[in-house]
């Protein structure tokens, strides 16, 4: 089975973001285990998972749908990173919101570019 998504820079960067989110949330307070920690991890995992699922589907419409879901999860994660920063959970050198925000911005640009490219080729 060909796994085209693995060669995509956007999928690779999204996987790196997942790792960074898991690392950042490992130092969150214990009371956040089933709250913010879990929500951030699930939103982060959703991004590369939906990219991969979209590339495994048949047809441009389905692919664009899953890329849209990935973009939505990325926006959700952006909000959760902001919340974690406001709560003081991302204010040290190892876990800082600026680094995570940079990764989110990069992936967002790659996702938008990929979707635009696919739409152009489909018309």
PDB file of N, CA and C in Angstrom:
ATOM      1  N   UNK A   1       0.847  -1.184   0.000  1.00  0.00           N
ATOM      2  CA  UNK A   1       0.000   0.000   0.000  1.00  0.00           C
ATOM      3  C   UNK A   1       0.890   1.244   0.000  1.00  0.00           C
ATOM      4  N   UNK A   2       0.612   2.130  -0.919  1.00  0.00           N
ATOM      5  CA  UNK A   2       1.356   3.386  -1.000  1.00  0.00           C
ATOM      6  C   UNK A   2       0.841   4.347   0.065  1.00  0.00           C
ATOM      7  N   UNK A   3       1.767   4.955   0.800  1.00  0.00           N
ATOM      8  CA  UNK A   3       1.402   5.899   1.854  1.00  0.00           C
ATOM      9  C   UNK A   3       1.917   7.277   1.465  1.00  0.00           C
ATOM     10  N   UNK A   4       1.195   7.905   0.534  1.00  0.00           N
ATOM     11  CA  UNK A   4       1.616   9.179  -0.051  1.00  0.00           C
ATOM     12  C   UNK A   4       1.743  10.286   0.987  1.00  0.00           C
ATOM     13  N   UNK A   5       0.954  10.227   2.028  1.00  0.00           N
ATOM     14  CA  UNK A   5       0.968  11.288   3.036  1.00  0.00           C
ATOM     15  C   UNK A   5       2.320  11.414   3.736  1.00  0.00           C
ATOM     16  N   UNK A   6       3.075  10.323   3.840  1.00  0.00           N
ATOM     17  CA  UNK A   6       4.356  10.346   4.556  1.00  0.00           C
ATOM     18  C   UNK A   6       5.401  11.226   3.868  1.00  0.00           C
ATOM     19  N   UNK A   7       5.259  11.438   2.579  1.00  0.00           N
ATOM     20  CA  UNK A   7       6.229  12.262   1.855  1.00  0.00           C
ATOM     21  C   UNK A   7       5.881  13.751   1.891  1.00  0.00           C
ATOM     22  N   UNK A   8       4.726  14.087   2.440  1.00  0.00           N
ATOM     23  CA  UNK A   8       4.282  15.479   2.490  1.00  0.00           C
ATOM     24  C   UNK A   8       4.934  16.227   3.646  1.00  0.00           C
ATOM     25  N   UNK A   9       5.480  17.395   3.346  1.00  0.00           N
ATOM     26  CA  UNK A   9       6.089  18.227   4.384  1.00  0.00           C
ATOM     27  C   UNK A   9       5.052  18.592   5.444  1.00  0.00           C
ATOM     28  N   UNK A  10       3.825  18.852   5.048  1.00  0.00           N
ATOM     29  CA  UNK A  10       2.797  19.254   6.004  1.00  0.00           C
ATOM     30  C   UNK A  10       2.511  18.120   6.995  1.00  0.00           C
ATOM     31  N   UNK A  11       2.484  16.882   6.540  1.00  0.00           N
ATOM     32  CA  UNK A  11       2.261  15.743   7.437  1.00  0.00           C
ATOM     33  C   UNK A  11       3.457  15.577   8.376  1.00  0.00           C
ATOM     34  N   UNK A  12       4.656  15.694   7.837  1.00  0.00           N
ATOM     35  CA  UNK A  12       5.866  15.554   8.648  1.00  0.00           C
ATOM     36  C   UNK A  12       5.916  16.627   9.733  1.00  0.00           C
ATOM     37  N   UNK A  13       5.607  17.869   9.361  1.00  0.00           N
ATOM     38  CA  UNK A  13       5.608  18.965  10.335  1.00  0.00           C
ATOM     39  C   UNK A  13       4.505  18.772  11.374  1.00  0.00           C
ATOM     40  N   UNK A  14       3.367  18.269  10.948  1.00  0.00           N
ATOM     41  CA  UNK A  14       2.262  18.015  11.874  1.00  0.00           C
ATOM     42  C   UNK A  14       2.638  16.929  12.880  1.00  0.00           C
ATOM     43  N   UNK A  15       3.364  15.931  12.425  1.00  0.00           N
ATOM     44  CA  UNK A  15       3.832  14.887  13.341  1.00  0.00           C
ATOM     45  C   UNK A  15       4.807  15.466  14.365  1.00  0.00           C
ATOM     46  N   UNK A  16       5.666  16.369  13.925  1.00  0.00           N
ATOM     47  CA  UNK A  16       6.581  17.032  14.860  1.00  0.00           C
ATOM     48  C   UNK A  16       5.806  17.872  15.880  1.00  0.00           C
ATOM     49  N   UNK A  17       4.739  18.499  15.434  1.00  0.00           N
ATOM     50  CA  UNK A  17       3.910  19.289  16.343  1.00  0.00           C
ATOM     51  C   UNK A  17       3.276  18.390  17.405  1.00  0.00           C
ATOM     52  N   UNK A  18       2.821  17.222  17.011  1.00  0.00           N
ATOM     53  CA  UNK A  18       2.236  16.285  17.978  1.00  0.00           C
ATOM     54  C   UNK A  18       3.254  15.968  19.071  1.00  0.00           C
ATOM     55  N   UNK A  19       4.470  15.667  18.657  1.00  0.00           N
ATOM     56  CA  UNK A  19       5.529  15.358  19.616  1.00  0.00           C
ATOM     57  C   UNK A  19       5.773  16.548  20.550  1.00  0.00           C
ATOM     58  N   UNK A  20       5.810  17.747  19.989  1.00  0.00           N
ATOM     59  CA  UNK A  20       6.030  18.951  20.795  1.00  0.00           C
ATOM     60  C   UNK A  20       4.884  19.179  21.783  1.00  0.00           C
ATOM     61  N   UNK A  21       3.665  18.916  21.360  1.00  0.00           N
ATOM     62  CA  UNK A  21       2.511  19.090  22.247  1.00  0.00           C
ATOM     63  C   UNK A  21       2.553  18.068  23.384  1.00  0.00           C
ATOM     64  N   UNK A  22       2.866  16.832  23.070  1.00  0.00           N
ATOM     65  CA  UNK A  22       2.968  15.828  24.131  1.00  0.00           C
ATOM     66  C   UNK A  22       4.058  16.210  25.127  1.00  0.00           C
ATOM     67  N   UNK A  23       5.166  16.709  24.627  1.00  0.00           N
ATOM     68  CA  UNK A  23       6.252  17.140  25.500  1.00  0.00           C
ATOM     69  C   UNK A  23       5.815  18.312  26.374  1.00  0.00           C
ATOM     70  N   UNK A  24       5.179  19.300  25.763  1.00  0.00           N
ATOM     71  CA  UNK A  24       4.740  20.484  26.503  1.00  0.00           C
ATOM     72  C   UNK A  24       3.703  20.140  27.560  1.00  0.00           C
ATOM     73  N   UNK A  25       2.762  19.281  27.226  1.00  0.00           N
ATOM     74  CA  UNK A  25       1.683  18.965  28.164  1.00  0.00           C
ATOM     75  C   UNK A  25       2.123  18.017  29.276  1.00  0.00           C
ATOM     76  N   UNK A  26       3.278  17.396  29.138  1.00  0.00           N
ATOM     77  CA  UNK A  26       3.747  16.468  30.181  1.00  0.00           C
ATOM     78  C   UNK A  26       4.023  17.191  31.497  1.00  0.00           C
ATOM     79  N   UNK A  27       4.245  18.489  31.439  1.00  0.00           N
ATOM     80  CA  UNK A  27       4.511  19.243  32.664  1.00  0.00           C
ATOM     81  C   UNK A  27       3.289  20.017  33.165  1.00  0.00           C
ATOM     82  N   UNK A  28       2.150  19.840  32.529  1.00  0.00           N
ATOM     83  CA  UNK A  28       0.940  20.513  32.983  1.00  0.00           C
ATOM     84  C   UNK A  28       0.522  19.952  34.341  1.00  0.00           C
ATOM     85  N   UNK A  29      -0.229  20.715  35.122  1.00  0.00           N
ATOM     86  CA  UNK A  29      -0.692  20.218  36.428  1.00  0.00           C
ATOM     87  C   UNK A  29      -1.528  18.949  36.284  1.00  0.00           C
ATOM     88  N   UNK A  30      -1.460  18.112  37.304  1.00  0.00           N
ATOM     89  CA  UNK A  30      -2.184  16.835  37.285  1.00  0.00           C
ATOM     90  C   UNK A  30      -3.684  17.024  37.084  1.00  0.00           C
ATOM     91  N   UNK A  31      -4.235  18.109  37.615  1.00  0.00           N
ATOM     92  CA  UNK A  31      -5.682  18.313  37.478  1.00  0.00           C
ATOM     93  C   UNK A  31      -6.103  18.562  36.030  1.00  0.00           C
ATOM     94  N   UNK A  32      -5.132  18.833  35.150  1.00  0.00           N
ATOM     95  CA  UNK A  32      -5.440  19.061  33.732  1.00  0.00           C
ATOM     96  C   UNK A  32      -5.361  17.786  32.889  1.00  0.00           C
ATOM     97  N   UNK A  33      -5.018  16.655  33.495  1.00  0.00           N
ATOM     98  CA  UNK A  33      -4.824  15.409  32.748  1.00  0.00           C
ATOM     99  C   UNK A  33      -6.021  15.076  31.848  1.00  0.00           C
ATOM    100  N   UNK A  34      -7.217  15.210  32.388  1.00  0.00           N
ATOM    101  CA  UNK A  34      -8.412  14.866  31.609  1.00  0.00           C
ATOM    102  C   UNK A  34      -9.094  16.101  31.019  1.00  0.00           C
ATOM    103  N   UNK A  35      -8.454  17.239  31.160  1.00  0.00           N
ATOM    104  CA  UNK A  35      -8.986  18.481  30.614  1.00  0.00           C
ATOM    105  C   UNK A  35      -8.123  19.005  29.491  1.00  0.00           C
ATOM    106  N   UNK A  36      -7.410  20.062  29.774  1.00  0.00           N
ATOM    107  CA  UNK A  36      -6.621  20.752  28.761  1.00  0.00           C
ATOM    108  C   UNK A  36      -5.545  19.856  28.143  1.00  0.00           C
ATOM    109  N   UNK A  37      -4.880  19.061  28.960  1.00  0.00           N
ATOM    110  CA  UNK A  37      -3.834  18.169  28.436  1.00  0.00           C
ATOM    111  C   UNK A  37      -4.405  17.235  27.380  1.00  0.00           C
ATOM    112  N   UNK A  38      -5.478  16.559  27.734  1.00  0.00           N
ATOM    113  CA  UNK A  38      -6.106  15.607  26.820  1.00  0.00           C
ATOM    114  C   UNK A  38      -6.624  16.297  25.556  1.00  0.00           C
ATOM    115  N   UNK A  39      -7.261  17.444  25.716  1.00  0.00           N
ATOM    116  CA  UNK A  39      -7.828  18.164  24.576  1.00  0.00           C
ATOM    117  C   UNK A  39      -6.735  18.619  23.612  1.00  0.00           C
ATOM    118  N   UNK A  40      -5.633  19.126  24.155  1.00  0.00           N
ATOM    119  CA  UNK A  40      -4.527  19.576  23.294  1.00  0.00           C
ATOM    120  C   UNK A  40      -3.919  18.395  22.543  1.00  0.00           C
ATOM    121  N   UNK A  41      -3.739  17.297  23.230  1.00  0.00           N
ATOM    122  CA  UNK A  41      -3.152  16.124  22.584  1.00  0.00           C
ATOM    123  C   UNK A  41      -4.062  15.581  21.490  1.00  0.00           C
ATOM    124  N   UNK A  42      -5.355  15.509  21.763  1.00  0.00           N
ATOM    125  CA  UNK A  42      -6.294  14.998  20.751  1.00  0.00           C
ATOM    126  C   UNK A  42      -6.375  15.920  19.534  1.00  0.00           C
ATOM    127  N   UNK A  43      -6.392  17.227  19.762  1.00  0.00           N
ATOM    128  CA  UNK A  43      -6.437  18.171  18.644  1.00  0.00           C
ATOM    129  C   UNK A  43      -5.168  18.063  17.805  1.00  0.00           C
ATOM    130  N   UNK A  44      -4.012  17.932  18.466  1.00  0.00           N
ATOM    131  CA  UNK A  44      -2.742  17.822  17.745  1.00  0.00           C
ATOM    132  C   UNK A  44      -2.693  16.545  16.908  1.00  0.00           C
ATOM    133  N   UNK A  45      -3.102  15.429  17.484  1.00  0.00           N
ATOM    134  CA  UNK A  45      -3.089  14.144  16.771  1.00  0.00           C
ATOM    135  C   UNK A  45      -4.036  14.174  15.572  1.00  0.00           C
ATOM    136  N   UNK A  46      -5.119  14.896  15.700  1.00  0.00           N
ATOM    137  CA  UNK A  46      -6.113  14.976  14.632  1.00  0.00           C
ATOM    138  C   UNK A  46      -5.556  15.580  13.345  1.00  0.00           C
ATOM    139  N   UNK A  47      -4.578  16.460  13.454  1.00  0.00           N
ATOM    140  CA  UNK A  47      -4.062  17.139  12.262  1.00  0.00           C
ATOM    141  C   UNK A  47      -3.385  16.151  11.305  1.00  0.00           C
ATOM    142  N   UNK A  48      -2.317  15.452  11.701  1.00  0.00           N
ATOM    143  CA  UNK A  48      -1.701  14.518  10.755  1.00  0.00           C
ATOM    144  C   UNK A  48      -2.592  13.325  10.437  1.00  0.00           C
ATOM    145  N   UNK A  49      -3.441  12.935  11.396  1.00  0.00           N
ATOM    146  CA  UNK A  49      -4.334  11.794  11.152  1.00  0.00           C
ATOM    147  C   UNK A  49      -5.322  12.107  10.031  1.00  0.00           C
ATOM    148  N   UNK A  50      -5.861  13.320  10.013  1.00  0.00           N
ATOM    149  CA  UNK A  50      -6.814  13.685   8.965  1.00  0.00           C
ATOM    150  C   UNK A  50      -6.129  13.916   7.622  1.00  0.00           C
ATOM    151  N   UNK A  51      -4.905  14.403   7.650  1.00  0.00           N
ATOM    152  CA  UNK A  51      -4.148  14.520   6.399  1.00  0.00           C
ATOM    153  C   UNK A  51      -3.951  13.131   5.805  1.00  0.00           C
ATOM    154  N   UNK A  52      -3.527  12.201   6.629  1.00  0.00           N
ATOM    155  CA  UNK A  52      -3.298  10.828   6.163  1.00  0.00           C
ATOM    156  C   UNK A  52      -4.590  10.196   5.656  1.00  0.00           C
ATOM    157  N   UNK A  53      -5.670  10.368   6.402  1.00  0.00           N
ATOM    158  CA  UNK A  53      -6.943   9.779   5.982  1.00  0.00           C
ATOM    159  C   UNK A  53      -7.407  10.370   4.656  1.00  0.00           C
ATOM    160  N   UNK A  54      -7.242  11.668   4.496  1.00  0.00           N
ATOM    161  CA  UNK A  54      -7.646  12.300   3.238  1.00  0.00           C
ATOM    162  C   UNK A  54      -6.901  11.733   2.043  1.00  0.00           C
ATOM    163  N   UNK A  55      -5.606  11.481   2.209  1.00  0.00           N
ATOM    164  CA  UNK A  55      -4.824  10.946   1.105  1.00  0.00           C
ATOM    165  C   UNK A  55      -5.110   9.479   0.833  1.00  0.00           C
ATOM    166  N   UNK A  56      -5.763   8.809   1.780  1.00  0.00           N
ATOM    167  CA  UNK A  56      -6.136   7.407   1.572  1.00  0.00           C
ATOM    168  C   UNK A  56      -7.515   7.271   0.940  1.00  0.00           C
ATOM    169  N   UNK A  57      -8.240   8.359   0.872  1.00  0.00           N
ATOM    170  CA  UNK A  57      -9.589   8.339   0.303  1.00  0.00           C
ATOM    171  C   UNK A  57      -9.531   8.474  -1.213  1.00  0.00           C
ATOM    172  N   UNK A  58     -10.675   8.214  -1.826  1.00  0.00           N
ATOM    173  CA  UNK A  58     -10.776   8.338  -3.275  1.00  0.00           C
ATOM    174  C   UNK A  58     -11.437   9.652  -3.636  1.00  0.00           C
ATOM    175  N   UNK A  59     -10.730  10.435  -4.415  1.00  0.00           N
ATOM    176  CA  UNK A  59     -11.339  11.649  -4.932  1.00  0.00           C
ATOM    177  C   UNK A  59     -10.891  12.920  -4.251  1.00  0.00           C
ATOM    178  N   UNK A  60     -10.879  13.958  -5.048  1.00  0.00           N
ATOM    179  CA  UNK A  60     -10.436  15.273  -4.602  1.00  0.00           C
ATOM    180  C   UNK A  60     -11.365  15.844  -3.547  1.00  0.00           C
ATOM    181  N   UNK A  61     -12.664  15.669  -3.712  1.00  0.00           N
ATOM    182  CA  UNK A  61     -13.626  16.226  -2.767  1.00  0.00           C
ATOM    183  C   UNK A  61     -13.389  15.677  -1.362  1.00  0.00           C
ATOM    184  N   UNK A  62     -13.185  14.379  -1.261  1.00  0.00           N
ATOM    185  CA  UNK A  62     -12.934  13.776   0.054  1.00  0.00           C
ATOM    186  C   UNK A  62     -11.604  14.250   0.635  1.00  0.00           C
ATOM    187  N   UNK A  63     -10.580  14.327  -0.195  1.00  0.00           N
ATOM    188  CA  UNK A  63      -9.273  14.794   0.257  1.00  0.00           C
ATOM    189  C   UNK A  63      -9.390  16.205   0.824  1.00  0.00           C
ATOM    190  N   UNK A  64     -10.050  17.092   0.103  1.00  0.00           N
ATOM    191  CA  UNK A  64     -10.215  18.465   0.574  1.00  0.00           C
ATOM    192  C   UNK A  64     -11.034  18.530   1.867  1.00  0.00           C
ATOM    193  N   UNK A  65     -11.998  17.646   1.990  1.00  0.00           N
ATOM    194  CA  UNK A  65     -12.802  17.589   3.213  1.00  0.00           C
ATOM    195  C   UNK A  65     -11.916  17.265   4.418  1.00  0.00           C
ATOM    196  N   UNK A  66     -11.052  16.269   4.278  1.00  0.00           N
ATOM    197  CA  UNK A  66     -10.188  15.882   5.393  1.00  0.00           C
ATOM    198  C   UNK A  66      -9.099  16.914   5.660  1.00  0.00           C
ATOM    199  N   UNK A  67      -8.639  17.589   4.640  1.00  0.00           N
ATOM    200  CA  UNK A  67      -7.689  18.680   4.861  1.00  0.00           C
ATOM    201  C   UNK A  67      -8.371  19.814   5.622  1.00  0.00           C
ATOM    202  N   UNK A  68      -9.645  20.034   5.349  1.00  0.00           N
ATOM    203  CA  UNK A  68     -10.413  21.047   6.063  1.00  0.00           C
ATOM    204  C   UNK A  68     -10.575  20.669   7.536  1.00  0.00           C
ATOM    205  N   UNK A  69     -10.817  19.411   7.806  1.00  0.00           N
ATOM    206  CA  UNK A  69     -10.922  18.942   9.190  1.00  0.00           C
ATOM    207  C   UNK A  69      -9.578  19.137   9.899  1.00  0.00           C
ATOM    208  N   UNK A  70      -8.484  18.818   9.209  1.00  0.00           N
ATOM    209  CA  UNK A  70      -7.150  19.010   9.783  1.00  0.00           C
ATOM    210  C   UNK A  70      -6.928  20.485  10.124  1.00  0.00           C
ATOM    211  N   UNK A  71      -7.345  21.376   9.230  1.00  0.00           N
ATOM    212  CA  UNK A  71      -7.201  22.812   9.470  1.00  0.00           C
ATOM    213  C   UNK A  71      -8.046  23.253  10.662  1.00  0.00           C
ATOM    214  N   UNK A  72      -9.224  22.691  10.799  1.00  0.00           N
ATOM    215  CA  UNK A  72     -10.075  22.999  11.947  1.00  0.00           C
ATOM    216  C   UNK A  72      -9.445  22.548  13.254  1.00  0.00           C
ATOM    217  N   UNK A  73      -8.868  21.369  13.255  1.00  0.00           N
ATOM    218  CA  UNK A  73      -8.186  20.870  14.451  1.00  0.00           C
ATOM    219  C   UNK A  73      -6.979  21.736  14.792  1.00  0.00           C
ATOM    220  N   UNK A  74      -6.306  22.217  13.767  1.00  0.00           N
ATOM    221  CA  UNK A  74      -5.155  23.094  13.984  1.00  0.00           C
ATOM    222  C   UNK A  74      -5.597  24.417  14.613  1.00  0.00           C
ATOM    223  N   UNK A  75      -6.721  24.947  14.172  1.00  0.00           N
ATOM    224  CA  UNK A  75      -7.266  26.177  14.767  1.00  0.00           C
ATOM    225  C   UNK A  75      -7.694  25.940  16.211  1.00  0.00           C
ATOM    226  N   UNK A  76      -8.282  24.791  16.462  1.00  0.00           N
ATOM    227  CA  UNK A  76      -8.643  24.430  17.836  1.00  0.00           C
ATOM    228  C   UNK A  76      -7.383  24.385  18.705  1.00  0.00           C
ATOM    229  N   UNK A  77      -6.341  23.749  18.203  1.00  0.00           N
ATOM    230  CA  UNK A  77      -5.086  23.652  18.945  1.00  0.00           C
ATOM    231  C   UNK A  77      -4.498  25.031  19.203  1.00  0.00           C
ATOM    232  N   UNK A  78      -4.590  25.917  18.240  1.00  0.00           N
ATOM    233  CA  UNK A  78      -4.103  27.286  18.414  1.00  0.00           C
ATOM    234  C   UNK A  78      -4.778  27.949  19.617  1.00  0.00           C
ATOM    235  N   UNK A  79      -6.072  27.788  19.717  1.00  0.00           N
ATOM    236  CA  UNK A  79      -6.825  28.354  20.833  1.00  0.00           C
ATOM    237  C   UNK A  79      -6.413  27.710  22.153  1.00  0.00           C
ATOM    238  N   UNK A  80      -6.202  26.404  22.148  1.00  0.00           N
ATOM    239  CA  UNK A  80      -5.815  25.700  23.372  1.00  0.00           C
ATOM    240  C   UNK A  80      -4.405  26.090  23.827  1.00  0.00           C
ATOM    241  N   UNK A  81      -3.517  26.330  22.873  1.00  0.00           N
ATOM    242  CA  UNK A  81      -2.168  26.807  23.208  1.00  0.00           C
ATOM    243  C   UNK A  81      -2.264  28.177  23.870  1.00  0.00           C
ATOM    244  N   UNK A  82      -3.094  29.046  23.320  1.00  0.00           N
ATOM    245  CA  UNK A  82      -3.291  30.377  23.905  1.00  0.00           C
ATOM    246  C   UNK A  82      -3.841  30.268  25.323  1.00  0.00           C
ATOM    247  N   UNK A  83      -4.804  29.396  25.520  1.00  0.00           N
ATOM    248  CA  UNK A  83      -5.379  29.208  26.844  1.00  0.00           C
ATOM    249  C   UNK A  83      -4.318  28.694  27.829  1.00  0.00           C
ATOM    250  N   UNK A  84      -3.543  27.697  27.405  1.00  0.00           N
ATOM    251  CA  UNK A  84      -2.493  27.147  28.269  1.00  0.00           C
ATOM    252  C   UNK A  84      -1.471  28.223  28.637  1.00  0.00           C
ATOM    253  N   UNK A  85      -1.151  29.081  27.675  1.00  0.00           N
ATOM    254  CA  UNK A  85      -0.213  30.176  27.946  1.00  0.00           C
ATOM    255  C   UNK A  85      -0.819  31.159  28.950  1.00  0.00           C
ATOM    256  N   UNK A  86      -2.085  31.490  28.780  1.00  0.00           N
ATOM    257  CA  UNK A  86      -2.737  32.430  29.700  1.00  0.00           C
ATOM    258  C   UNK A  86      -2.843  31.862  31.114  1.00  0.00           C
ATOM    259  N   UNK A  87      -2.922  30.534  31.204  1.00  0.00           N
ATOM    260  CA  UNK A  87      -2.981  29.883  32.519  1.00  0.00           C
ATOM    261  C   UNK A  87      -1.591  29.702  33.130  1.00  0.00           C
ATOM    262  N   UNK A  88      -0.567  30.085  32.364  1.00  0.00           N
ATOM    263  CA  UNK A  88       0.799  30.004  32.876  1.00  0.00           C
ATOM    264  C   UNK A  88       1.461  28.651  32.712  1.00  0.00           C
ATOM    265  N   UNK A  89       0.888  27.779  31.887  1.00  0.00           N
ATOM    266  CA  UNK A  89       1.444  26.433  31.701  1.00  0.00           C
ATOM    267  C   UNK A  89       2.542  26.380  30.645  1.00  0.00           C
ATOM    268  N   UNK A  90       2.685  27.427  29.852  1.00  0.00           N
ATOM    269  CA  UNK A  90       3.670  27.427  28.757  1.00  0.00           C
ATOM    270  C   UNK A  90       4.619  28.615  28.880  1.00  0.00           C
ATOM    271  N   UNK A  91       5.058  28.878  30.064  1.00  0.00           N
ATOM    272  CA  UNK A  91       5.884  30.062  30.279  1.00  0.00           C
ATOM    273  C   UNK A  91       7.333  29.764  30.639  1.00  0.00           C
ATOM    274  N   UNK A  92       7.834  28.583  30.327  1.00  0.00           N
ATOM    275  CA  UNK A  92       9.240  28.312  30.600  1.00  0.00           C
ATOM    276  C   UNK A  92       9.962  27.971  29.309  1.00  0.00           C
ATOM    277  N   UNK A  93      11.286  27.995  29.301  1.00  0.00           N
ATOM    278  CA  UNK A  93      12.040  27.797  28.052  1.00  0.00           C
ATOM    279  C   UNK A  93      11.760  26.472  27.345  1.00  0.00           C
ATOM    280  N   UNK A  94      11.505  25.413  28.116  1.00  0.00           N
ATOM    281  CA  UNK A  94      11.243  24.108  27.487  1.00  0.00           C
ATOM    282  C   UNK A  94       9.844  24.042  26.875  1.00  0.00           C
ATOM    283  N   UNK A  95       8.917  24.713  27.494  1.00  0.00           N
ATOM    284  CA  UNK A  95       7.522  24.719  27.034  1.00  0.00           C
ATOM    285  C   UNK A  95       7.085  26.163  26.844  1.00  0.00           C
ATOM    286  N   UNK A  96       7.217  26.656  25.633  1.00  0.00           N
ATOM    287  CA  UNK A  96       6.786  28.045  25.431  1.00  0.00           C
ATOM    288  C   UNK A  96       5.829  28.138  24.257  1.00  0.00           C
ATOM    289  N   UNK A  97       4.878  29.029  24.436  1.00  0.00           N
ATOM    290  CA  UNK A  97       3.832  29.159  23.430  1.00  0.00           C
ATOM    291  C   UNK A  97       4.361  29.724  22.122  1.00  0.00           C
ATOM    292  N   UNK A  98       5.409  30.535  22.157  1.00  0.00           N
ATOM    293  CA  UNK A  98       5.935  31.119  20.913  1.00  0.00           C
ATOM    294  C   UNK A  98       6.428  30.038  19.966  1.00  0.00           C
ATOM    295  N   UNK A  99       7.124  29.063  20.488  1.00  0.00           N
ATOM    296  CA  UNK A  99       7.621  27.967  19.642  1.00  0.00           C
ATOM    297  C   UNK A  99       6.462  27.154  19.062  1.00  0.00           C
ATOM    298  N   UNK A 100       5.494  26.833  19.899  1.00  0.00           N
ATOM    299  CA  UNK A 100       4.335  26.068  19.431  1.00  0.00           C
ATOM    300  C   UNK A 100       3.526  26.875  18.418  1.00  0.00           C
ATOM    301  N   UNK A 101       3.353  28.175  18.673  1.00  0.00           N
ATOM    302  CA  UNK A 101       2.631  29.027  17.726  1.00  0.00           C
ATOM    303  C   UNK A 101       3.341  29.097  16.383  1.00  0.00           C
ATOM    304  N   UNK A 102       4.653  29.125  16.393  1.00  0.00           N
ATOM    305  CA  UNK A 102       5.412  29.119  15.148  1.00  0.00           C
ATOM    306  C   UNK A 102       5.157  27.869  14.338  1.00  0.00           C
ATOM    307  N   UNK A 103       5.107  26.731  15.022  1.00  0.00           N
ATOM    308  CA  UNK A 103       4.822  25.462  14.347  1.00  0.00           C
ATOM    309  C   UNK A 103       3.405  25.451  13.779  1.00  0.00           C
ATOM    310  N   UNK A 104       2.461  25.961  14.557  1.00  0.00           N
ATOM    311  CA  UNK A 104       1.070  26.027  14.097  1.00  0.00           C
ATOM    312  C   UNK A 104       0.970  26.910  12.862  1.00  0.00           C
ATOM    313  N   UNK A 105       1.620  28.061  12.882  1.00  0.00           N
ATOM    314  CA  UNK A 105       1.590  28.974  11.733  1.00  0.00           C
ATOM    315  C   UNK A 105       2.173  28.318  10.486  1.00  0.00           C
ATOM    316  N   UNK A 106       3.295  27.631  10.650  1.00  0.00           N
ATOM    317  CA  UNK A 106       3.932  26.974   9.506  1.00  0.00           C
ATOM    318  C   UNK A 106       3.024  25.900   8.916  1.00  0.00           C
ATOM    319  N   UNK A 107       2.448  25.083   9.766  1.00  0.00           N
ATOM    320  CA  UNK A 107       1.567  24.008   9.294  1.00  0.00           C
ATOM    321  C   UNK A 107       0.312  24.586   8.654  1.00  0.00           C
ATOM    322  N   UNK A 108      -0.208  25.644   9.220  1.00  0.00           N
ATOM    323  CA  UNK A 108      -1.389  26.289   8.646  1.00  0.00           C
ATOM    324  C   UNK A 108      -1.107  26.754   7.224  1.00  0.00           C
ATOM    325  N   UNK A 109       0.028  27.395   7.024  1.00  0.00           N
ATOM    326  CA  UNK A 109       0.404  27.846   5.682  1.00  0.00           C
ATOM    327  C   UNK A 109       0.567  26.692   4.711  1.00  0.00           C
ATOM    328  N   UNK A 110       1.197  25.624   5.178  1.00  0.00           N
ATOM    329  CA  UNK A 110       1.379  24.444   4.321  1.00  0.00           C
ATOM    330  C   UNK A 110       0.041  23.809   3.963  1.00  0.00           C
ATOM    331  N   UNK A 111      -0.857  23.724   4.936  1.00  0.00           N
ATOM    332  CA  UNK A 111      -2.189  23.142   4.678  1.00  0.00           C
ATOM    333  C   UNK A 111      -2.973  23.975   3.681  1.00  0.00           C
ATOM    334  N   UNK A 112      -2.966  25.289   3.868  1.00  0.00           N
ATOM    335  CA  UNK A 112      -3.698  26.168   2.940  1.00  0.00           C
ATOM    336  C   UNK A 112      -3.110  26.078   1.538  1.00  0.00           C
ATOM    337  N   UNK A 113      -1.794  26.041   1.450  1.00  0.00           N
ATOM    338  CA  UNK A 113      -1.137  25.932   0.150  1.00  0.00           C
ATOM    339  C   UNK A 113      -1.452  24.619  -0.543  1.00  0.00           C
ATOM    340  N   UNK A 114      -1.437  23.530   0.233  1.00  0.00           N
ATOM    341  CA  UNK A 114      -1.751  22.220  -0.332  1.00  0.00           C
ATOM    342  C   UNK A 114      -3.186  22.178  -0.839  1.00  0.00           C
ATOM    343  N   UNK A 115      -4.109  22.669  -0.035  1.00  0.00           N
ATOM    344  CA  UNK A 115      -5.524  22.675  -0.450  1.00  0.00           C
ATOM    345  C   UNK A 115      -5.726  23.522  -1.691  1.00  0.00           C
ATOM    346  N   UNK A 116      -5.091  24.681  -1.745  1.00  0.00           N
ATOM    347  CA  UNK A 116      -5.213  25.563  -2.918  1.00  0.00           C
ATOM    348  C   UNK A 116      -4.650  24.887  -4.162  1.00  0.00           C
ATOM    349  N   UNK A 117      -3.532  24.205  -4.009  1.00  0.00           N
ATOM    350  CA  UNK A 117      -2.920  23.504  -5.132  1.00  0.00           C
ATOM    351  C   UNK A 117      -3.814  22.386  -5.648  1.00  0.00           C
ATOM    352  N   UNK A 118      -4.412  21.655  -4.734  1.00  0.00           N
ATOM    353  CA  UNK A 118      -5.313  20.557  -5.120  1.00  0.00           C
ATOM    354  C   UNK A 118      -6.544  21.113  -5.828  1.00  0.00           C
ATOM    355  N   UNK A 119      -7.089  22.216  -5.324  1.00  0.00           N
ATOM    356  CA  UNK A 119      -8.259  22.842  -5.950  1.00  0.00           C
ATOM    357  C   UNK A 119      -7.926  23.315  -7.370  1.00  0.00           C
ATOM    358  N   UNK A 120      -6.731  23.917  -7.557  1.00  0.00           N
ATOM    359  CA  UNK A 120      -6.332  24.387  -8.890  1.00  0.00           C
ATOM    360  C   UNK A 120      -6.232  23.222  -9.874  1.00  0.00           C
ATOM    361  N   UNK A 121      -5.658  22.131  -9.434  1.00  0.00           N
ATOM    362  CA  UNK A 121      -5.497  20.980 -10.308  1.00  0.00           C
ATOM    363  C   UNK A 121      -6.835  20.324 -10.639  1.00  0.00           C
ATOM    364  N   UNK A 122      -7.805  20.482  -9.740  1.00  0.00           N
ATOM    365  CA  UNK A 122      -9.114  19.844  -9.938  1.00  0.00           C
ATOM    366  C   UNK A 122      -9.982  20.611 -10.933  1.00  0.00           C
ATOM    367  N   UNK A 123      -9.645  21.880 -11.193  1.00  0.00           N
ATOM    368  CA  UNK A 123     -10.498  22.670 -12.088  1.00  0.00           C
ATOM    369  C   UNK A 123      -9.933  22.734 -13.478  1.00  0.00           C
TER     370      UNK A 123
END
